Amino acid sequence: FVFVEVGEDARPVFDALLREGVIVRPLAPFGAPGAIRVTVGTPEENDLFAAALGRVMALTPGSAQ
C-alpha cells in the first residue's frame, strides 16, 4: 500500500477517483483525514491511477498540489 496526502479532507478526492473508476481507501477513520491508501497494482493500473489522480487533484478545491 501507498499512503498519499491529498489535502485537508480526502473525501472529495476519494469521491472523484471513484467517478474515474479508481478505488482507494480514505484514511480519516484511521486518524489521517487528508490521506488515502492506494494499493500498488500492475504498471498499467498504476498508470491509470496516476493519470486519474492528476486530473482529480487539478479539479478538486483544497487538494494538495
N, C-alpha and C. Protein backbone atom coordinates (compact mmCIF):
# COMPACT_ATOMS: atom_id res chain seq x y z
N PHE A 1 0.84 -1.19 0.00
CA PHE A 1 0.00 0.00 0.00
C PHE A 1 0.87 1.24 0.00
N VAL A 2 0.29 2.34 -0.51
CA VAL A 2 0.97 3.62 -0.51
C VAL A 2 0.05 4.62 0.20
N PHE A 3 0.61 5.39 1.13
CA PHE A 3 -0.08 6.44 1.85
C PHE A 3 0.11 7.73 1.07
N VAL A 4 -1.01 8.40 0.68
CA VAL A 4 -0.93 9.61 -0.13
C VAL A 4 -1.69 10.74 0.55
N GLU A 5 -0.98 11.81 0.89
CA GLU A 5 -1.62 13.02 1.43
C GLU A 5 -2.22 13.79 0.26
N VAL A 6 -3.52 14.11 0.35
CA VAL A 6 -4.19 14.78 -0.76
C VAL A 6 -4.81 16.12 -0.37
N GLY A 7 -4.59 16.59 0.83
CA GLY A 7 -5.15 17.86 1.28
C GLY A 7 -5.75 17.72 2.65
N GLU A 8 -6.52 18.72 3.05
CA GLU A 8 -7.10 18.70 4.40
C GLU A 8 -8.18 17.64 4.55
N ASP A 9 -8.96 17.40 3.50
CA ASP A 9 -10.05 16.44 3.54
C ASP A 9 -9.97 15.56 2.30
N ALA A 10 -9.72 14.29 2.50
CA ALA A 10 -9.54 13.37 1.38
C ALA A 10 -10.85 12.94 0.74
N ARG A 11 -11.97 13.21 1.39
CA ARG A 11 -13.26 12.71 0.88
C ARG A 11 -13.56 13.17 -0.55
N PRO A 12 -13.40 14.48 -0.88
CA PRO A 12 -13.69 14.88 -2.26
C PRO A 12 -12.78 14.19 -3.29
N VAL A 13 -11.54 13.97 -2.93
CA VAL A 13 -10.62 13.27 -3.83
C VAL A 13 -11.05 11.81 -3.98
N PHE A 14 -11.39 11.19 -2.87
CA PHE A 14 -11.89 9.81 -2.89
C PHE A 14 -13.11 9.69 -3.80
N ASP A 15 -14.08 10.59 -3.62
CA ASP A 15 -15.31 10.56 -4.43
C ASP A 15 -15.00 10.77 -5.91
N ALA A 16 -14.14 11.71 -6.22
CA ALA A 16 -13.79 11.99 -7.62
C ALA A 16 -13.05 10.81 -8.24
N LEU A 17 -12.17 10.17 -7.50
CA LEU A 17 -11.47 9.00 -8.02
C LEU A 17 -12.44 7.86 -8.30
N LEU A 18 -13.44 7.69 -7.44
CA LEU A 18 -14.46 6.67 -7.70
C LEU A 18 -15.17 6.94 -9.02
N ARG A 19 -15.50 8.21 -9.28
CA ARG A 19 -16.14 8.55 -10.55
C ARG A 19 -15.23 8.26 -11.74
N GLU A 20 -13.92 8.28 -11.50
CA GLU A 20 -12.94 7.96 -12.56
C GLU A 20 -12.74 6.44 -12.70
N GLY A 21 -13.37 5.67 -11.81
CA GLY A 21 -13.22 4.22 -11.85
C GLY A 21 -12.04 3.70 -11.05
N VAL A 22 -11.50 4.54 -10.16
CA VAL A 22 -10.34 4.16 -9.34
C VAL A 22 -10.79 4.06 -7.89
N ILE A 23 -10.55 2.91 -7.28
CA ILE A 23 -10.97 2.68 -5.91
C ILE A 23 -9.75 2.79 -4.99
N VAL A 24 -9.85 3.70 -4.02
CA VAL A 24 -8.83 3.87 -2.99
C VAL A 24 -9.55 3.85 -1.64
N ARG A 25 -8.80 3.92 -0.57
CA ARG A 25 -9.42 3.93 0.76
C ARG A 25 -9.12 5.24 1.46
N PRO A 26 -10.16 6.00 1.86
CA PRO A 26 -9.91 7.21 2.65
C PRO A 26 -9.44 6.80 4.05
N LEU A 27 -8.53 7.55 4.62
CA LEU A 27 -7.93 7.14 5.89
C LEU A 27 -8.39 7.96 7.10
N ALA A 28 -9.46 8.74 6.95
CA ALA A 28 -9.99 9.50 8.09
C ALA A 28 -10.34 8.60 9.27
N PRO A 29 -10.95 7.43 9.05
CA PRO A 29 -11.26 6.56 10.20
C PRO A 29 -10.01 6.08 10.95
N PHE A 30 -8.85 6.23 10.33
CA PHE A 30 -7.60 5.80 10.96
C PHE A 30 -6.77 6.98 11.45
N GLY A 31 -7.40 8.18 11.51
CA GLY A 31 -6.72 9.35 12.05
C GLY A 31 -5.98 10.19 11.04
N ALA A 32 -6.17 9.95 9.76
CA ALA A 32 -5.50 10.72 8.72
C ALA A 32 -6.55 11.26 7.74
N PRO A 33 -7.27 12.31 8.12
CA PRO A 33 -8.39 12.79 7.30
C PRO A 33 -7.99 13.33 5.93
N GLY A 34 -6.74 13.66 5.75
CA GLY A 34 -6.28 14.21 4.48
C GLY A 34 -5.52 13.23 3.61
N ALA A 35 -5.71 11.93 3.89
CA ALA A 35 -4.92 10.93 3.17
C ALA A 35 -5.80 9.82 2.62
N ILE A 36 -5.26 9.16 1.60
CA ILE A 36 -5.87 7.96 1.03
C ILE A 36 -4.83 6.85 1.02
N ARG A 37 -5.33 5.62 1.00
CA ARG A 37 -4.46 4.46 0.87
C ARG A 37 -4.66 3.89 -0.53
N VAL A 38 -3.56 3.66 -1.22
CA VAL A 38 -3.60 3.16 -2.58
C VAL A 38 -2.90 1.80 -2.61
N THR A 39 -3.57 0.82 -3.19
CA THR A 39 -2.95 -0.49 -3.37
C THR A 39 -2.09 -0.46 -4.62
N VAL A 40 -0.86 -0.91 -4.50
CA VAL A 40 0.03 -0.98 -5.65
C VAL A 40 -0.47 -2.09 -6.56
N GLY A 41 -0.57 -1.77 -7.85
CA GLY A 41 -1.08 -2.74 -8.82
C GLY A 41 -0.07 -3.02 -9.91
N THR A 42 -0.58 -3.43 -11.04
CA THR A 42 0.27 -3.66 -12.21
C THR A 42 0.74 -2.30 -12.73
N PRO A 43 1.76 -2.28 -13.57
CA PRO A 43 2.19 -1.00 -14.14
C PRO A 43 1.04 -0.26 -14.84
N GLU A 44 0.18 -0.98 -15.53
CA GLU A 44 -0.94 -0.34 -16.22
C GLU A 44 -1.93 0.25 -15.22
N GLU A 45 -2.22 -0.49 -14.15
CA GLU A 45 -3.13 0.01 -13.12
C GLU A 45 -2.53 1.23 -12.42
N ASN A 46 -1.24 1.20 -12.16
CA ASN A 46 -0.58 2.33 -11.52
C ASN A 46 -0.61 3.55 -12.42
N ASP A 47 -0.43 3.36 -13.72
CA ASP A 47 -0.51 4.46 -14.68
C ASP A 47 -1.92 5.05 -14.70
N LEU A 48 -2.93 4.18 -14.69
CA LEU A 48 -4.32 4.63 -14.67
C LEU A 48 -4.58 5.47 -13.42
N PHE A 49 -4.13 4.98 -12.26
CA PHE A 49 -4.28 5.72 -11.01
C PHE A 49 -3.58 7.07 -11.08
N ALA A 50 -2.35 7.10 -11.53
CA ALA A 50 -1.58 8.35 -11.58
C ALA A 50 -2.26 9.38 -12.48
N ALA A 51 -2.76 8.94 -13.61
CA ALA A 51 -3.45 9.87 -14.53
C ALA A 51 -4.73 10.39 -13.89
N ALA A 52 -5.51 9.50 -13.29
CA ALA A 52 -6.76 9.91 -12.65
C ALA A 52 -6.48 10.84 -11.48
N LEU A 53 -5.47 10.54 -10.68
CA LEU A 53 -5.15 11.40 -9.55
C LEU A 53 -4.74 12.79 -10.03
N GLY A 54 -3.96 12.87 -11.09
CA GLY A 54 -3.57 14.16 -11.63
C GLY A 54 -4.77 14.98 -12.06
N ARG A 55 -5.71 14.35 -12.74
CA ARG A 55 -6.93 15.07 -13.17
C ARG A 55 -7.74 15.52 -11.97
N VAL A 56 -7.92 14.62 -11.01
CA VAL A 56 -8.73 14.92 -9.83
C VAL A 56 -8.10 16.04 -9.00
N MET A 57 -6.81 15.96 -8.78
CA MET A 57 -6.15 16.97 -7.94
C MET A 57 -6.21 18.35 -8.59
N ALA A 58 -6.17 18.39 -9.91
CA ALA A 58 -6.25 19.67 -10.61
C ALA A 58 -7.63 20.30 -10.50
N LEU A 59 -8.66 19.47 -10.28
CA LEU A 59 -10.03 19.96 -10.27
C LEU A 59 -10.67 20.03 -8.89
N THR A 60 -9.98 19.53 -7.85
CA THR A 60 -10.56 19.45 -6.51
C THR A 60 -10.06 20.61 -5.66
N PRO A 61 -10.96 21.53 -5.27
CA PRO A 61 -10.56 22.63 -4.39
C PRO A 61 -10.04 22.10 -3.06
N GLY A 62 -8.97 22.70 -2.56
CA GLY A 62 -8.42 22.31 -1.26
C GLY A 62 -7.52 21.11 -1.28
N SER A 63 -7.29 20.54 -2.45
CA SER A 63 -6.40 19.38 -2.52
C SER A 63 -4.95 19.86 -2.55
N ALA A 64 -4.06 19.00 -2.08
CA ALA A 64 -2.62 19.30 -2.10
C ALA A 64 -2.12 19.11 -3.52
N GLN A 65 -1.47 20.13 -4.08
CA GLN A 65 -0.97 20.01 -5.45
C GLN A 65 0.51 20.19 -5.51
